Amino acid sequence: MNPDVELPPDVAAKFPPKEAYKSAVFIDYKKDAEISDALKAAWAEAVGAK
């Protein structure tokens, strides 16, 4: 959830409590892009696709 956005109470009630977001880890998309090809190749080798 974005702390700068105020949701209507009925919508906010559908989300986990704010404390649950303290342990959230966000994806580093730049790092993901840097290792994506190597990860795909490693996975393909691990499952015998190559």
N, C-alpha and C. Protein backbone atom coordinates (compact mmCIF):
# COMPACT_ATOMS: atom_id res chain seq x y z
N MET A 1 0.83 -1.18 0.00
CA MET A 1 0.00 0.00 0.00
C MET A 1 0.88 1.25 0.00
N ASN A 2 0.42 2.26 -0.65
CA ASN A 2 1.12 3.53 -0.68
C ASN A 2 0.63 4.37 0.50
N PRO A 3 1.54 4.74 1.41
CA PRO A 3 1.11 5.50 2.59
C PRO A 3 0.58 6.89 2.27
N ASP A 4 0.83 7.37 1.06
CA ASP A 4 0.36 8.70 0.66
C ASP A 4 -1.04 8.67 0.08
N VAL A 5 -1.62 7.48 -0.06
CA VAL A 5 -2.95 7.35 -0.64
C VAL A 5 -3.92 6.90 0.45
N GLU A 6 -5.00 7.64 0.59
CA GLU A 6 -6.01 7.27 1.57
C GLU A 6 -7.13 6.51 0.86
N LEU A 7 -7.32 5.27 1.29
CA LEU A 7 -8.33 4.43 0.67
C LEU A 7 -9.66 4.57 1.41
N PRO A 8 -10.76 4.36 0.72
CA PRO A 8 -12.05 4.33 1.40
C PRO A 8 -12.02 3.20 2.44
N PRO A 9 -12.68 3.37 3.57
CA PRO A 9 -12.63 2.36 4.65
C PRO A 9 -12.99 0.95 4.21
N ASP A 10 -13.97 0.78 3.32
CA ASP A 10 -14.34 -0.57 2.89
C ASP A 10 -13.25 -1.23 2.06
N VAL A 11 -12.50 -0.44 1.32
CA VAL A 11 -11.39 -0.98 0.53
C VAL A 11 -10.21 -1.25 1.45
N ALA A 12 -9.89 -0.33 2.34
CA ALA A 12 -8.77 -0.50 3.27
C ALA A 12 -8.95 -1.74 4.14
N ALA A 13 -10.16 -2.09 4.47
CA ALA A 13 -10.44 -3.25 5.31
C ALA A 13 -10.04 -4.56 4.63
N LYS A 14 -9.88 -4.55 3.32
CA LYS A 14 -9.51 -5.75 2.58
C LYS A 14 -8.01 -6.00 2.56
N PHE A 15 -7.23 -5.04 3.01
CA PHE A 15 -5.78 -5.16 3.03
C PHE A 15 -5.30 -5.65 4.39
N PRO A 16 -4.09 -6.26 4.43
CA PRO A 16 -3.52 -6.64 5.72
C PRO A 16 -3.25 -5.38 6.55
N PRO A 17 -3.07 -5.53 7.86
CA PRO A 17 -2.78 -4.36 8.69
C PRO A 17 -1.44 -3.73 8.30
N LYS A 18 -1.29 -2.46 8.59
CA LYS A 18 -0.07 -1.73 8.21
C LYS A 18 1.19 -2.39 8.75
N GLU A 19 1.11 -3.00 9.94
CA GLU A 19 2.28 -3.64 10.53
C GLU A 19 2.81 -4.77 9.65
N ALA A 20 1.96 -5.39 8.89
CA ALA A 20 2.36 -6.51 8.03
C ALA A 20 3.31 -6.05 6.92
N TYR A 21 3.25 -4.80 6.56
CA TYR A 21 4.08 -4.30 5.47
C TYR A 21 5.51 -3.97 5.90
N LYS A 22 5.78 -3.98 7.20
CA LYS A 22 7.13 -3.67 7.69
C LYS A 22 8.15 -4.70 7.21
N SER A 23 7.72 -5.93 7.01
CA SER A 23 8.63 -6.98 6.59
C SER A 23 8.62 -7.19 5.07
N ALA A 24 7.89 -6.37 4.35
CA ALA A 24 7.82 -6.52 2.89
C ALA A 24 9.17 -6.18 2.26
N VAL A 25 9.53 -6.96 1.26
CA VAL A 25 10.77 -6.73 0.52
C VAL A 25 10.39 -6.43 -0.92
N PHE A 26 10.87 -5.34 -1.43
CA PHE A 26 10.53 -4.94 -2.78
C PHE A 26 11.60 -5.41 -3.76
N ILE A 27 11.18 -5.73 -4.97
CA ILE A 27 12.08 -6.22 -6.00
C ILE A 27 12.95 -5.09 -6.52
N ASP A 28 14.24 -5.37 -6.64
CA ASP A 28 15.18 -4.43 -7.25
C ASP A 28 15.20 -4.78 -8.75
N TYR A 29 14.39 -4.08 -9.53
CA TYR A 29 14.22 -4.44 -10.94
C TYR A 29 15.50 -4.25 -11.76
N LYS A 30 16.36 -3.34 -11.36
CA LYS A 30 17.62 -3.15 -12.08
C LYS A 30 18.50 -4.38 -11.88
N LYS A 31 18.60 -4.84 -10.63
CA LYS A 31 19.39 -6.03 -10.36
C LYS A 31 18.76 -7.24 -11.04
N ASP A 32 17.43 -7.33 -11.00
CA ASP A 32 16.73 -8.43 -11.63
C ASP A 32 17.06 -8.49 -13.13
N ALA A 33 17.08 -7.35 -13.78
CA ALA A 33 17.39 -7.30 -15.21
C ALA A 33 18.82 -7.75 -15.47
N GLU A 34 19.74 -7.40 -14.56
CA GLU A 34 21.15 -7.75 -14.73
C GLU A 34 21.38 -9.26 -14.63
N ILE A 35 20.61 -9.95 -13.80
CA ILE A 35 20.85 -11.38 -13.61
C ILE A 35 19.83 -12.26 -14.31
N SER A 36 18.88 -11.68 -14.98
CA SER A 36 17.78 -12.43 -15.57
C SER A 36 18.25 -13.51 -16.55
N ASP A 37 19.12 -13.18 -17.47
CA ASP A 37 19.57 -14.17 -18.46
C ASP A 37 20.33 -15.31 -17.80
N ALA A 38 21.20 -14.97 -16.83
CA ALA A 38 21.96 -16.01 -16.13
C ALA A 38 21.03 -16.90 -15.32
N LEU A 39 20.02 -16.32 -14.71
CA LEU A 39 19.07 -17.10 -13.93
C LEU A 39 18.26 -18.04 -14.84
N LYS A 40 17.83 -17.54 -15.97
CA LYS A 40 17.08 -18.38 -16.92
C LYS A 40 17.93 -19.57 -17.37
N ALA A 41 19.20 -19.31 -17.68
CA ALA A 41 20.09 -20.37 -18.13
C ALA A 41 20.35 -21.38 -17.02
N ALA A 42 20.56 -20.91 -15.80
CA ALA A 42 20.80 -21.81 -14.67
C ALA A 42 19.57 -22.67 -14.41
N TRP A 43 18.38 -22.07 -14.47
CA TRP A 43 17.15 -22.84 -14.24
C TRP A 43 16.95 -23.88 -15.34
N ALA A 44 17.17 -23.50 -16.58
CA ALA A 44 17.01 -24.44 -17.68
C ALA A 44 17.97 -25.63 -17.51
N GLU A 45 19.19 -25.36 -17.11
CA GLU A 45 20.16 -26.44 -16.89
C GLU A 45 19.73 -27.31 -15.70
N ALA A 46 19.24 -26.68 -14.64
CA ALA A 46 18.85 -27.42 -13.43
C ALA A 46 17.69 -28.37 -13.70
N VAL A 47 16.80 -27.99 -14.57
CA VAL A 47 15.62 -28.83 -14.84
C VAL A 47 15.80 -29.67 -16.10
N GLY A 48 16.98 -29.61 -16.71
CA GLY A 48 17.27 -30.44 -17.86
C GLY A 48 16.66 -29.96 -19.15
N ALA A 49 16.39 -28.69 -19.25
CA ALA A 49 15.77 -28.15 -20.47
C ALA A 49 16.79 -27.91 -21.57
N LYS A 50 18.05 -27.91 -21.23
CA LYS A 50 19.09 -27.68 -22.26
C LYS A 50 19.84 -28.94 -22.54
